[in-house]
Protein backbone atom coordinates (compact mmCIF):
# COMPACT_ATOMS: atom_id res chain seq x y z
CA MET A 1 119.31 13.63 45.68
CA LYS A 2 118.34 10.43 47.38
CA GLU A 3 121.49 10.37 49.46
CA VAL A 4 120.96 14.06 50.51
CA ILE A 5 117.49 13.45 51.85
CA LEU A 6 118.39 10.31 53.72
CA THR A 7 121.69 12.04 55.24
CA ILE A 8 119.35 15.00 56.26
CA PHE A 9 117.00 12.47 58.01
CA ASP A 10 120.20 10.82 59.64
CA CYS A 11 121.57 14.10 60.98
CA ILE A 12 118.03 15.21 62.32
CA ASN A 13 117.60 11.80 64.02
CA PHE A 14 120.96 11.67 65.41
CA GLY A 15 120.47 15.13 66.74
CA LEU A 16 117.42 14.43 68.45
CA VAL A 17 118.71 11.48 70.10
CA ALA A 18 121.83 13.65 71.14
CA PHE A 19 119.40 16.42 72.46
CA LEU A 20 117.39 13.87 74.39
CA TRP A 21 120.58 12.84 76.13
CA GLY A 22 121.52 16.61 76.74
CA LEU A 23 118.32 17.38 78.32
CA THR A 24 118.33 14.62 80.55
CA ILE A 25 121.82 15.08 81.68
CA LYS A 26 121.43 18.59 82.26
CA ASN A 27 118.39 18.13 84.45
CA TYR A 28 118.97 15.08 86.24
CA LYS A 29 121.01 16.64 89.26
CA THR A 30 118.02 18.93 90.16
CA LEU A 31 115.26 16.39 89.84
CA PRO A 32 113.58 15.12 93.00
CA GLN A 33 114.29 11.74 94.26
CA ARG A 34 110.85 10.68 92.99
CA ILE A 35 109.50 11.63 89.49
CA PRO A 36 106.78 10.87 87.32
CA VAL A 37 107.18 8.03 85.03
CA HIS A 38 104.03 7.48 83.31
CA PHE A 39 101.00 9.78 82.56
CA ASP A 40 97.31 9.14 81.68
CA LEU A 41 95.54 10.51 78.52
CA ASP A 42 94.94 13.92 80.22
CA GLY A 43 98.75 14.42 81.00
CA LYS A 44 98.25 13.79 84.85
CA ALA A 45 101.14 11.65 86.28
CA ASP A 46 99.80 8.23 87.37
CA ASN A 47 102.94 6.33 88.39
CA PHE A 48 106.06 7.57 90.12
CA GLY A 49 109.71 6.21 90.33
CA ASN A 50 113.05 6.78 91.18
CA LYS A 51 114.90 9.61 89.41
CA ALA A 52 117.06 7.13 87.55
CA PHE A 53 114.18 6.46 85.52
CA ILE A 54 114.66 9.57 83.62
CA PHE A 55 117.30 7.68 81.50
CA LEU A 56 114.81 5.23 80.21
CA MET A 57 113.87 7.46 77.24
CA PRO A 58 117.36 8.38 76.29
CA VAL A 59 118.41 4.79 76.28
CA MET A 60 115.08 3.73 74.42
CA GLY A 61 116.01 6.52 71.71
CA VAL A 62 119.64 5.27 71.28
CA LEU A 63 118.05 1.43 70.86
CA LEU A 64 115.44 2.52 68.36
CA TYR A 65 118.19 4.63 66.47
CA LEU A 66 120.25 1.72 66.20
CA ILE A 67 117.50 -0.85 65.22
CA PHE A 68 116.11 1.69 62.59
CA MET A 69 119.33 2.37 61.14
CA TYR A 70 120.14 -1.45 60.71
CA ILE A 71 116.68 -2.10 59.08
CA THR A 72 117.43 0.82 56.71
CA ARG A 73 120.80 -0.59 55.71
CA TYR A 74 119.16 -3.92 55.02
CA PRO A 75 115.87 -3.18 53.40
CA GLU A 76 115.42 -6.69 51.84
CA SER A 77 114.90 -8.10 55.30
CA SER A 78 111.84 -5.85 55.80
CA ASN A 79 108.05 -6.57 55.39
CA PHE A 80 106.52 -4.38 52.30
CA PRO A 81 102.68 -3.75 51.97
CA VAL A 82 103.21 -4.76 48.19
CA GLU A 83 105.13 -7.43 46.54
CA ILE A 84 108.60 -6.82 45.68
CA THR A 85 109.74 -7.34 42.07
CA GLU A 86 112.96 -6.19 40.28
CA SER A 87 111.01 -3.60 38.62
CA ASN A 88 109.81 -2.09 41.86
CA LYS A 89 112.40 -2.87 44.15
CA GLU A 90 114.39 0.39 43.99
CA ASN A 91 111.25 2.67 44.43
CA GLN A 92 110.03 0.48 47.34
CA PHE A 93 113.36 0.37 49.17
CA LEU A 94 113.50 4.24 48.84
CA ILE A 95 110.10 4.58 50.23
CA MET A 96 110.87 2.26 53.21
CA THR A 97 114.12 4.00 54.04
CA ILE A 98 112.45 7.40 53.98
CA PHE A 99 109.59 6.29 55.84
CA LEU A 100 111.43 4.47 58.60
CA ARG A 101 113.53 7.50 59.17
CA TRP A 102 110.49 9.93 59.26
CA ILE A 103 108.57 7.34 61.85
CA LEU A 104 111.78 7.44 63.81
CA MET A 105 111.87 11.01 63.96
CA LEU A 106 108.24 11.32 64.94
CA VAL A 107 109.14 8.67 67.75
CA LEU A 108 111.93 10.75 68.97
CA PHE A 109 109.85 13.92 69.11
CA ILE A 110 107.37 12.02 71.13
CA PHE A 111 109.97 10.68 73.42
CA LEU A 112 111.23 14.34 73.93
CA ASN A 113 107.83 15.61 74.69
CA SER A 114 107.39 12.82 77.29
CA GLN A 115 110.99 13.59 78.90
CA ASP A 116 110.18 17.34 78.74
CA LEU A 117 106.96 16.87 80.62
CA MET A 118 108.49 14.19 82.99
CA ILE A 119 110.96 16.89 84.18
CA ARG A 120 108.64 19.87 84.32
CA TYR A 121 106.08 17.71 86.00
CA ALA A 122 108.56 16.91 88.60
CA PHE A 123 108.68 20.38 89.90
CA ASP A 124 105.07 21.47 88.80
CA GLU A 125 101.90 19.36 89.01
CA ASN A 126 100.07 21.41 86.94
CA ALA A 127 102.55 21.16 83.86
CA LYS A 128 101.00 20.00 80.69
CA PRO A 129 102.48 18.32 77.70
CA LYS A 130 103.64 20.46 74.90
CA ALA A 131 101.83 18.22 72.22
CA SER A 132 98.85 16.16 73.11
CA VAL A 133 98.60 12.55 72.91
CA ALA A 134 96.05 12.78 70.02
CA THR A 135 98.38 14.78 67.98
CA MET A 136 101.46 12.17 68.49
CA LEU A 137 99.10 9.22 67.73
CA PHE A 138 97.59 10.96 64.75
CA SER A 139 100.92 11.89 63.32
CA VAL A 140 102.16 8.33 63.59
CA LEU A 141 99.07 6.77 62.04
CA GLY A 142 98.57 9.25 59.56
CA SER A 143 101.98 8.61 58.17
CA VAL A 144 101.29 4.97 58.15
CA ILE A 145 98.48 5.47 56.06
CA VAL A 146 100.09 7.83 53.68
CA VAL A 147 103.09 5.39 53.21
CA VAL A 148 100.89 2.62 52.27
CA ILE A 149 98.99 4.85 49.63
CA ILE A 150 102.39 5.74 48.17
CA ALA A 151 103.73 2.30 48.26
CA ALA A 152 100.75 1.09 46.34
CA GLN A 153 101.44 3.73 43.66
CA PHE A 154 104.79 2.26 42.84
CA LYS A 155 103.64 -1.46 42.47
């Protein structure tokens, strides 16, 4: 069952990276030369750059995907909120590998939300993000809190 869950997360995360690249490539030619590259907390663009910046999120997505996959393949090199012993090692490694895949998925959704906003805002200054910054931050912070609690239960 463990391998099935991890494989599902891996497929979803790979799919999100591929979708991020597809969205970017599909829209690149139609973008104006100057696109928004940074937004304030209200979703208004506060910095603009060349349209080549549209590839920043997909490249960062691939790098994060590779880093997270490396870390999950070698969990003993990671930092844990509890001491790792022979009796809790398997549970802690499983919690960590599932959590990292979950966080990667959330981060890739944040990247997709940002990329989508960059593309839509390039054509319409009234475009709003599909998910708010607060929602994105609380989802990541809430996940960290939950995993620390779960890890503490399996000391």
